[in-house]
Amino acid sequence: MGPLTASLLTLLHKVTGSALVIFGLVLFPLPIPVGLIMIALGLLLLAPYFKPVQNVVRKLRCRFTSVDSSLRKIKRRCPPVIRSAIEKTAP
């Protein structure tokens, strides 16, 4: 993968992650937890690129051990960017 492709992929991850977090916050009050899922996916997309996001995800994983164990279970089946975020935010 060339440097231009890598930078475009990074930009795509940042834009997609930000959009997921924003739309997740908008949908969060709904009774169906779609907003929460969107926020979680958005944070995992942003975590490899932003240290503050890594800290937030790490704190959430420490506080909610069931989330941490679920992420550890699915790590090997995730795309590389999500796998990287799971590894970087391990408590």
PDB file of N, CA and C in Angstrom:
ATOM      1  N   MET A   1       0.857  -1.174   0.000  1.00  0.00           N
ATOM      2  CA  MET A   1       0.000   0.000   0.000  1.00  0.00           C
ATOM      3  C   MET A   1       0.896   1.228   0.000  1.00  0.00           C
ATOM      4  N   GLY A   2       0.670   2.117  -0.944  1.00  0.00           N
ATOM      5  CA  GLY A   2       1.480   3.312  -1.080  1.00  0.00           C
ATOM      6  C   GLY A   2       1.111   4.367  -0.047  1.00  0.00           C
ATOM      7  N   PRO A   3       1.960   5.397   0.076  1.00  0.00           N
ATOM      8  CA  PRO A   3       1.695   6.438   1.075  1.00  0.00           C
ATOM      9  C   PRO A   3       0.409   7.209   0.808  1.00  0.00           C
ATOM     10  N   LEU A   4       0.076   7.410  -0.472  1.00  0.00           N
ATOM     11  CA  LEU A   4      -1.164   8.128  -0.787  1.00  0.00           C
ATOM     12  C   LEU A   4      -2.374   7.295  -0.393  1.00  0.00           C
ATOM     13  N   THR A   5      -2.325   6.013  -0.677  1.00  0.00           N
ATOM     14  CA  THR A   5      -3.427   5.125  -0.312  1.00  0.00           C
ATOM     15  C   THR A   5      -3.583   5.053   1.199  1.00  0.00           C
ATOM     16  N   ALA A   6      -2.462   4.974   1.919  1.00  0.00           N
ATOM     17  CA  ALA A   6      -2.513   4.913   3.378  1.00  0.00           C
ATOM     18  C   ALA A   6      -3.096   6.192   3.964  1.00  0.00           C
ATOM     19  N   SER A   7      -2.704   7.343   3.417  1.00  0.00           N
ATOM     20  CA  SER A   7      -3.236   8.592   3.954  1.00  0.00           C
ATOM     21  C   SER A   7      -4.725   8.750   3.625  1.00  0.00           C
ATOM     22  N   LEU A   8      -5.142   8.285   2.455  1.00  0.00           N
ATOM     23  CA  LEU A   8      -6.571   8.331   2.126  1.00  0.00           C
ATOM     24  C   LEU A   8      -7.373   7.395   3.019  1.00  0.00           C
ATOM     25  N   LEU A   9      -6.808   6.236   3.322  1.00  0.00           N
ATOM     26  CA  LEU A   9      -7.484   5.291   4.214  1.00  0.00           C
ATOM     27  C   LEU A   9      -7.591   5.869   5.623  1.00  0.00           C
ATOM     28  N   THR A  10      -6.534   6.524   6.071  1.00  0.00           N
ATOM     29  CA  THR A  10      -6.564   7.176   7.384  1.00  0.00           C
ATOM     30  C   THR A  10      -7.631   8.263   7.417  1.00  0.00           C
ATOM     31  N   LEU A  11      -7.688   9.062   6.383  1.00  0.00           N
ATOM     32  CA  LEU A  11      -8.711  10.115   6.306  1.00  0.00           C
ATOM     33  C   LEU A  11     -10.109   9.510   6.296  1.00  0.00           C
ATOM     34  N   LEU A  12     -10.291   8.436   5.551  1.00  0.00           N
ATOM     35  CA  LEU A  12     -11.584   7.761   5.504  1.00  0.00           C
ATOM     36  C   LEU A  12     -11.980   7.234   6.882  1.00  0.00           C
ATOM     37  N   HIS A  13     -11.026   6.653   7.610  1.00  0.00           N
ATOM     38  CA  HIS A  13     -11.313   6.155   8.956  1.00  0.00           C
ATOM     39  C   HIS A  13     -11.720   7.294   9.888  1.00  0.00           C
ATOM     40  N   LYS A  14     -10.998   8.413   9.811  1.00  0.00           N
ATOM     41  CA  LYS A  14     -11.301   9.542  10.692  1.00  0.00           C
ATOM     42  C   LYS A  14     -12.669  10.143  10.383  1.00  0.00           C
ATOM     43  N   VAL A  15     -12.990  10.303   9.103  1.00  0.00           N
ATOM     44  CA  VAL A  15     -14.288  10.877   8.719  1.00  0.00           C
ATOM     45  C   VAL A  15     -15.419   9.925   9.093  1.00  0.00           C
ATOM     46  N   THR A  16     -15.246   8.650   8.779  1.00  0.00           N
ATOM     47  CA  THR A  16     -16.284   7.668   9.092  1.00  0.00           C
ATOM     48  C   THR A  16     -16.479   7.540  10.594  1.00  0.00           C
ATOM     49  N   GLY A  17     -15.380   7.465  11.351  1.00  0.00           N
ATOM     50  CA  GLY A  17     -15.479   7.372  12.811  1.00  0.00           C
ATOM     51  C   GLY A  17     -16.172   8.577  13.414  1.00  0.00           C
ATOM     52  N   SER A  18     -15.815   9.769  12.936  1.00  0.00           N
ATOM     53  CA  SER A  18     -16.454  10.988  13.442  1.00  0.00           C
ATOM     54  C   SER A  18     -17.944  11.007  13.120  1.00  0.00           C
ATOM     55  N   ALA A  19     -18.289  10.616  11.899  1.00  0.00           N
ATOM     56  CA  ALA A  19     -19.702  10.590  11.507  1.00  0.00           C
ATOM     57  C   ALA A  19     -20.480   9.584  12.351  1.00  0.00           C
ATOM     58  N   LEU A  20     -19.892   8.424  12.608  1.00  0.00           N
ATOM     59  CA  LEU A  20     -20.580   7.424  13.440  1.00  0.00           C
ATOM     60  C   LEU A  20     -20.819   7.943  14.849  1.00  0.00           C
ATOM     61  N   VAL A  21     -19.826   8.618  15.422  1.00  0.00           N
ATOM     62  CA  VAL A  21     -19.996   9.162  16.774  1.00  0.00           C
ATOM     63  C   VAL A  21     -21.079  10.239  16.782  1.00  0.00           C
ATOM     64  N   ILE A  22     -21.045  11.133  15.808  1.00  0.00           N
ATOM     65  CA  ILE A  22     -22.045  12.218  15.763  1.00  0.00           C
ATOM     66  C   ILE A  22     -23.453  11.662  15.573  1.00  0.00           C
ATOM     67  N   PHE A  23     -23.635  10.773  14.595  1.00  0.00           N
ATOM     68  CA  PHE A  23     -24.971  10.197  14.379  1.00  0.00           C
ATOM     69  C   PHE A  23     -25.384   9.307  15.549  1.00  0.00           C
ATOM     70  N   GLY A  24     -24.417   8.658  16.184  1.00  0.00           N
ATOM     71  CA  GLY A  24     -24.723   7.855  17.364  1.00  0.00           C
ATOM     72  C   GLY A  24     -25.236   8.706  18.507  1.00  0.00           C
ATOM     73  N   LEU A  25     -24.641   9.891  18.678  1.00  0.00           N
ATOM     74  CA  LEU A  25     -25.112  10.799  19.727  1.00  0.00           C
ATOM     75  C   LEU A  25     -26.524  11.292  19.434  1.00  0.00           C
ATOM     76  N   VAL A  26     -26.816  11.522  18.158  1.00  0.00           N
ATOM     77  CA  VAL A  26     -28.166  11.957  17.778  1.00  0.00           C
ATOM     78  C   VAL A  26     -29.171  10.840  18.043  1.00  0.00           C
ATOM     79  N   LEU A  27     -28.807   9.600  17.735  1.00  0.00           N
ATOM     80  CA  LEU A  27     -29.726   8.470  17.893  1.00  0.00           C
ATOM     81  C   LEU A  27     -29.717   7.853  19.293  1.00  0.00           C
ATOM     82  N   PHE A  28     -28.832   8.325  20.158  1.00  0.00           N
ATOM     83  CA  PHE A  28     -28.687   7.734  21.488  1.00  0.00           C
ATOM     84  C   PHE A  28     -29.979   7.715  22.307  1.00  0.00           C
ATOM     85  N   PRO A  29     -30.827   8.756  22.271  1.00  0.00           N
ATOM     86  CA  PRO A  29     -32.039   8.740  23.101  1.00  0.00           C
ATOM     87  C   PRO A  29     -33.108   7.723  22.666  1.00  0.00           C
ATOM     88  N   LEU A  30     -32.980   7.153  21.483  1.00  0.00           N
ATOM     89  CA  LEU A  30     -33.977   6.190  21.028  1.00  0.00           C
ATOM     90  C   LEU A  30     -33.975   4.941  21.903  1.00  0.00           C
ATOM     91  N   PRO A  31     -35.123   4.268  22.020  1.00  0.00           N
ATOM     92  CA  PRO A  31     -35.191   3.076  22.870  1.00  0.00           C
ATOM     93  C   PRO A  31     -34.346   1.904  22.351  1.00  0.00           C
ATOM     94  N   ILE A  32     -34.119   1.840  21.052  1.00  0.00           N
ATOM     95  CA  ILE A  32     -33.276   0.780  20.494  1.00  0.00           C
ATOM     96  C   ILE A  32     -31.827   1.281  20.562  1.00  0.00           C
ATOM     97  N   PRO A  33     -30.873   0.463  21.039  1.00  0.00           N
ATOM     98  CA  PRO A  33     -29.514   0.957  21.283  1.00  0.00           C
ATOM     99  C   PRO A  33     -28.649   1.129  20.034  1.00  0.00           C
ATOM    100  N   VAL A  34     -29.229   1.552  18.922  1.00  0.00           N
ATOM    101  CA  VAL A  34     -28.469   1.754  17.690  1.00  0.00           C
ATOM    102  C   VAL A  34     -27.420   2.846  17.889  1.00  0.00           C
ATOM    103  N   GLY A  35     -27.788   3.908  18.580  1.00  0.00           N
ATOM    104  CA  GLY A  35     -26.858   5.008  18.812  1.00  0.00           C
ATOM    105  C   GLY A  35     -25.634   4.571  19.591  1.00  0.00           C
ATOM    106  N   LEU A  36     -25.826   3.735  20.586  1.00  0.00           N
ATOM    107  CA  LEU A  36     -24.709   3.244  21.397  1.00  0.00           C
ATOM    108  C   LEU A  36     -23.754   2.396  20.565  1.00  0.00           C
ATOM    109  N   ILE A  37     -24.298   1.578  19.695  1.00  0.00           N
ATOM    110  CA  ILE A  37     -23.467   0.750  18.815  1.00  0.00           C
ATOM    111  C   ILE A  37     -22.681   1.635  17.852  1.00  0.00           C
ATOM    112  N   MET A  38     -23.331   2.657  17.309  1.00  0.00           N
ATOM    113  CA  MET A  38     -22.653   3.563  16.381  1.00  0.00           C
ATOM    114  C   MET A  38     -21.531   4.323  17.081  1.00  0.00           C
ATOM    115  N   ILE A  39     -21.774   4.764  18.308  1.00  0.00           N
ATOM    116  CA  ILE A  39     -20.745   5.474  19.066  1.00  0.00           C
ATOM    117  C   ILE A  39     -19.552   4.553  19.318  1.00  0.00           C
ATOM    118  N   ALA A  40     -19.823   3.314  19.710  1.00  0.00           N
ATOM    119  CA  ALA A  40     -18.738   2.365  19.993  1.00  0.00           C
ATOM    120  C   ALA A  40     -17.893   2.101  18.745  1.00  0.00           C
ATOM    121  N   LEU A  41     -18.548   1.880  17.620  1.00  0.00           N
ATOM    122  CA  LEU A  41     -17.804   1.638  16.378  1.00  0.00           C
ATOM    123  C   LEU A  41     -17.010   2.874  15.955  1.00  0.00           C
ATOM    124  N   GLY A  42     -17.616   4.033  16.105  1.00  0.00           N
ATOM    125  CA  GLY A  42     -16.914   5.272  15.755  1.00  0.00           C
ATOM    126  C   GLY A  42     -15.681   5.497  16.617  1.00  0.00           C
ATOM    127  N   LEU A  43     -15.810   5.236  17.920  1.00  0.00           N
ATOM    128  CA  LEU A  43     -14.654   5.395  18.807  1.00  0.00           C
ATOM    129  C   LEU A  43     -13.553   4.399  18.469  1.00  0.00           C
ATOM    130  N   LEU A  44     -13.939   3.177  18.107  1.00  0.00           N
ATOM    131  CA  LEU A  44     -12.924   2.192  17.730  1.00  0.00           C
ATOM    132  C   LEU A  44     -12.228   2.572  16.419  1.00  0.00           C
ATOM    133  N   LEU A  45     -12.928   3.216  15.513  1.00  0.00           N
ATOM    134  CA  LEU A  45     -12.285   3.684  14.283  1.00  0.00           C
ATOM    135  C   LEU A  45     -11.341   4.864  14.543  1.00  0.00           C
ATOM    136  N   LEU A  46     -11.682   5.695  15.526  1.00  0.00           N
ATOM    137  CA  LEU A  46     -10.868   6.869  15.827  1.00  0.00           C
ATOM    138  C   LEU A  46      -9.702   6.567  16.772  1.00  0.00           C
ATOM    139  N   ALA A  47      -9.801   5.519  17.559  1.00  0.00           N
ATOM    140  CA  ALA A  47      -8.804   5.228  18.591  1.00  0.00           C
ATOM    141  C   ALA A  47      -7.373   5.078  18.084  1.00  0.00           C
ATOM    142  N   PRO A  48      -7.125   4.432  16.949  1.00  0.00           N
ATOM    143  CA  PRO A  48      -5.721   4.310  16.536  1.00  0.00           C
ATOM    144  C   PRO A  48      -5.050   5.650  16.209  1.00  0.00           C
ATOM    145  N   TYR A  49      -5.826   6.697  15.987  1.00  0.00           N
ATOM    146  CA  TYR A  49      -5.277   7.960  15.521  1.00  0.00           C
ATOM    147  C   TYR A  49      -5.250   9.063  16.576  1.00  0.00           C
ATOM    148  N   PHE A  50      -6.042   8.933  17.651  1.00  0.00           N
ATOM    149  CA  PHE A  50      -6.146  10.001  18.640  1.00  0.00           C
ATOM    150  C   PHE A  50      -5.938   9.437  20.051  1.00  0.00           C
ATOM    151  N   LYS A  51      -4.920   9.939  20.737  1.00  0.00           N
ATOM    152  CA  LYS A  51      -4.598   9.468  22.085  1.00  0.00           C
ATOM    153  C   LYS A  51      -5.751   9.722  23.078  1.00  0.00           C
ATOM    154  N   PRO A  52      -6.430  10.890  23.046  1.00  0.00           N
ATOM    155  CA  PRO A  52      -7.545  11.094  23.986  1.00  0.00           C
ATOM    156  C   PRO A  52      -8.675  10.065  23.795  1.00  0.00           C
ATOM    157  N   VAL A  53      -8.931   9.682  22.560  1.00  0.00           N
ATOM    158  CA  VAL A  53      -9.959   8.669  22.302  1.00  0.00           C
ATOM    159  C   VAL A  53      -9.502   7.318  22.860  1.00  0.00           C
ATOM    160  N   GLN A  54      -8.216   7.023  22.728  1.00  0.00           N
ATOM    161  CA  GLN A  54      -7.680   5.784  23.297  1.00  0.00           C
ATOM    162  C   GLN A  54      -7.882   5.760  24.804  1.00  0.00           C
ATOM    163  N   ASN A  55      -7.646   6.895  25.459  1.00  0.00           N
ATOM    164  CA  ASN A  55      -7.821   6.972  26.910  1.00  0.00           C
ATOM    165  C   ASN A  55      -9.279   6.757  27.311  1.00  0.00           C
ATOM    166  N   VAL A  56     -10.205   7.344  26.552  1.00  0.00           N
ATOM    167  CA  VAL A  56     -11.632   7.175  26.856  1.00  0.00           C
ATOM    168  C   VAL A  56     -12.041   5.709  26.703  1.00  0.00           C
ATOM    169  N   VAL A  57     -11.632   5.088  25.594  1.00  0.00           N
ATOM    170  CA  VAL A  57     -11.989   3.692  25.358  1.00  0.00           C
ATOM    171  C   VAL A  57     -11.356   2.797  26.416  1.00  0.00           C
ATOM    172  N   ARG A  58     -10.117   3.086  26.802  1.00  0.00           N
ATOM    173  CA  ARG A  58      -9.442   2.296  27.836  1.00  0.00           C
ATOM    174  C   ARG A  58     -10.195   2.384  29.168  1.00  0.00           C
ATOM    175  N   LYS A  59     -10.627   3.593  29.532  1.00  0.00           N
ATOM    176  CA  LYS A  59     -11.379   3.769  30.783  1.00  0.00           C
ATOM    177  C   LYS A  59     -12.711   3.023  30.726  1.00  0.00           C
ATOM    178  N   LEU A  60     -13.378   3.090  29.569  1.00  0.00           N
ATOM    179  CA  LEU A  60     -14.646   2.362  29.428  1.00  0.00           C
ATOM    180  C   LEU A  60     -14.426   0.854  29.548  1.00  0.00           C
ATOM    181  N   ARG A  61     -13.348   0.358  28.958  1.00  0.00           N
ATOM    182  CA  ARG A  61     -13.054  -1.076  29.031  1.00  0.00           C
ATOM    183  C   ARG A  61     -12.709  -1.496  30.457  1.00  0.00           C
ATOM    184  N   CYS A  62     -12.057  -0.616  31.211  1.00  0.00           N
ATOM    185  CA  CYS A  62     -11.762  -0.928  32.618  1.00  0.00           C
ATOM    186  C   CYS A  62     -13.034  -0.943  33.450  1.00  0.00           C
ATOM    187  N   ARG A  63     -13.912  -0.011  33.167  1.00  0.00           N
ATOM    188  CA  ARG A  63     -15.144   0.106  33.959  1.00  0.00           C
ATOM    189  C   ARG A  63     -16.141  -0.999  33.625  1.00  0.00           C
ATOM    190  N   PHE A  64     -16.245  -1.349  32.348  1.00  0.00           N
ATOM    191  CA  PHE A  64     -17.202  -2.368  31.911  1.00  0.00           C
ATOM    192  C   PHE A  64     -16.427  -3.591  31.413  1.00  0.00           C
ATOM    193  N   THR A  65     -16.194  -4.522  32.326  1.00  0.00           N
ATOM    194  CA  THR A  65     -15.370  -5.695  31.992  1.00  0.00           C
ATOM    195  C   THR A  65     -16.036  -6.586  30.951  1.00  0.00           C
ATOM    196  N   SER A  66     -17.358  -6.552  30.874  1.00  0.00           N
ATOM    197  CA  SER A  66     -18.028  -7.371  29.855  1.00  0.00           C
ATOM    198  C   SER A  66     -17.725  -6.848  28.452  1.00  0.00           C
ATOM    199  N   VAL A  67     -17.614  -5.530  28.316  1.00  0.00           N
ATOM    200  CA  VAL A  67     -17.247  -4.945  27.027  1.00  0.00           C
ATOM    201  C   VAL A  67     -15.817  -5.351  26.674  1.00  0.00           C
ATOM    202  N   ASP A  68     -14.937  -5.293  27.661  1.00  0.00           N
ATOM    203  CA  ASP A  68     -13.547  -5.666  27.435  1.00  0.00           C
ATOM    204  C   ASP A  68     -13.431  -7.129  27.002  1.00  0.00           C
ATOM    205  N   SER A  69     -14.131  -8.010  27.673  1.00  0.00           N
ATOM    206  CA  SER A  69     -14.039  -9.428  27.302  1.00  0.00           C
ATOM    207  C   SER A  69     -14.651  -9.684  25.922  1.00  0.00           C
ATOM    208  N   SER A  70     -15.713  -8.969  25.584  1.00  0.00           N
ATOM    209  CA  SER A  70     -16.306  -9.122  24.247  1.00  0.00           C
ATOM    210  C   SER A  70     -15.347  -8.651  23.162  1.00  0.00           C
ATOM    211  N   LEU A  71     -14.672  -7.535  23.403  1.00  0.00           N
ATOM    212  CA  LEU A  71     -13.718  -7.030  22.420  1.00  0.00           C
ATOM    213  C   LEU A  71     -12.542  -7.995  22.242  1.00  0.00           C
ATOM    214  N   ARG A  72     -12.101  -8.584  23.336  1.00  0.00           N
ATOM    215  CA  ARG A  72     -10.998  -9.546  23.239  1.00  0.00           C
ATOM    216  C   ARG A  72     -11.413 -10.780  22.425  1.00  0.00           C
ATOM    217  N   LYS A  73     -12.670 -11.183  22.574  1.00  0.00           N
ATOM    218  CA  LYS A  73     -13.147 -12.368  21.850  1.00  0.00           C
ATOM    219  C   LYS A  73     -13.246 -12.123  20.348  1.00  0.00           C
ATOM    220  N   ILE A  74     -13.686 -10.938  19.957  1.00  0.00           N
ATOM    221  CA  ILE A  74     -13.904 -10.683  18.532  1.00  0.00           C
ATOM    222  C   ILE A  74     -12.677 -10.094  17.833  1.00  0.00           C
ATOM    223  N   LYS A  75     -11.601  -9.818  18.572  1.00  0.00           N
ATOM    224  CA  LYS A  75     -10.435  -9.130  18.016  1.00  0.00           C
ATOM    225  C   LYS A  75      -9.875  -9.826  16.778  1.00  0.00           C
ATOM    226  N   ARG A  76      -9.750 -11.117  16.792  1.00  0.00           N
ATOM    227  CA  ARG A  76      -9.101 -11.816  15.672  1.00  0.00           C
ATOM    228  C   ARG A  76      -9.947 -11.803  14.393  1.00  0.00           C
ATOM    229  N   ARG A  77     -11.249 -11.530  14.513  1.00  0.00           N
ATOM    230  CA  ARG A  77     -12.130 -11.500  13.338  1.00  0.00           C
ATOM    231  C   ARG A  77     -12.347 -10.091  12.790  1.00  0.00           C
ATOM    232  N   CYS A  78     -11.749  -9.103  13.424  1.00  0.00           N
ATOM    233  CA  CYS A  78     -11.957  -7.707  13.032  1.00  0.00           C
ATOM    234  C   CYS A  78     -10.969  -7.276  11.959  1.00  0.00           C
ATOM    235  N   PRO A  79     -11.325  -6.215  11.223  1.00  0.00           N
ATOM    236  CA  PRO A  79     -10.373  -5.645  10.264  1.00  0.00           C
ATOM    237  C   PRO A  79      -9.150  -5.081  11.010  1.00  0.00           C
ATOM    238  N   PRO A  80      -8.037  -4.901  10.310  1.00  0.00           N
ATOM    239  CA  PRO A  80      -6.811  -4.457  10.983  1.00  0.00           C
ATOM    240  C   PRO A  80      -6.937  -3.159  11.774  1.00  0.00           C
ATOM    241  N   VAL A  81      -7.692  -2.182  11.290  1.00  0.00           N
ATOM    242  CA  VAL A  81      -7.797  -0.918  12.022  1.00  0.00           C
ATOM    243  C   VAL A  81      -8.526  -1.124  13.353  1.00  0.00           C
ATOM    244  N   ILE A  82      -9.555  -1.944  13.380  1.00  0.00           N
ATOM    245  CA  ILE A  82     -10.276  -2.220  14.628  1.00  0.00           C
ATOM    246  C   ILE A  82      -9.406  -3.068  15.544  1.00  0.00           C
ATOM    247  N   ARG A  83      -8.710  -4.041  14.989  1.00  0.00           N
ATOM    248  CA  ARG A  83      -7.810  -4.889  15.783  1.00  0.00           C
ATOM    249  C   ARG A  83      -6.731  -4.024  16.443  1.00  0.00           C
ATOM    250  N   SER A  84      -6.195  -3.058  15.715  1.00  0.00           N
ATOM    251  CA  SER A  84      -5.196  -2.156  16.245  1.00  0.00           C
ATOM    252  C   SER A  84      -5.772  -1.323  17.393  1.00  0.00           C
ATOM    253  N   ALA A  85      -6.993  -0.858  17.227  1.00  0.00           N
ATOM    254  CA  ALA A  85      -7.637  -0.058  18.280  1.00  0.00           C
ATOM    255  C   ALA A  85      -7.871  -0.902  19.525  1.00  0.00           C
ATOM    256  N   ILE A  86      -8.271  -2.143  19.352  1.00  0.00           N
ATOM    257  CA  ILE A  86      -8.509  -3.020  20.498  1.00  0.00           C
ATOM    258  C   ILE A  86      -7.199  -3.259  21.243  1.00  0.00           C
ATOM    259  N   GLU A  87      -6.120  -3.460  20.507  1.00  0.00           N
ATOM    260  CA  GLU A  87      -4.811  -3.687  21.147  1.00  0.00           C
ATOM    261  C   GLU A  87      -4.311  -2.426  21.845  1.00  0.00           C
ATOM    262  N   LYS A  88      -4.478  -1.260  21.227  1.00  0.00           N
ATOM    263  CA  LYS A  88      -3.980  -0.007  21.815  1.00  0.00           C
ATOM    264  C   LYS A  88      -4.772   0.428  23.034  1.00  0.00           C
ATOM    265  N   THR A  89      -6.011  -0.027  23.155  1.00  0.00           N
ATOM    266  CA  THR A  89      -6.849   0.404  24.278  1.00  0.00           C
ATOM    267  C   THR A  89      -7.012  -0.667  25.338  1.00  0.00           C
ATOM    268  N   ALA A  90      -6.191  -1.699  25.271  1.00  0.00           N
ATOM    269  CA  ALA A  90      -6.289  -2.771  26.283  1.00  0.00           C
ATOM    270  C   ALA A  90      -5.951  -2.199  27.662  1.00  0.00           C
ATOM    271  N   PRO A  91      -6.790  -2.545  28.645  1.00  0.00           N
ATOM    272  CA  PRO A  91      -6.530  -2.029  30.008  1.00  0.00           C
ATOM    273  C   PRO A  91      -5.310  -2.667  30.640  1.00  0.00           C
TER     274      PRO A  91
END
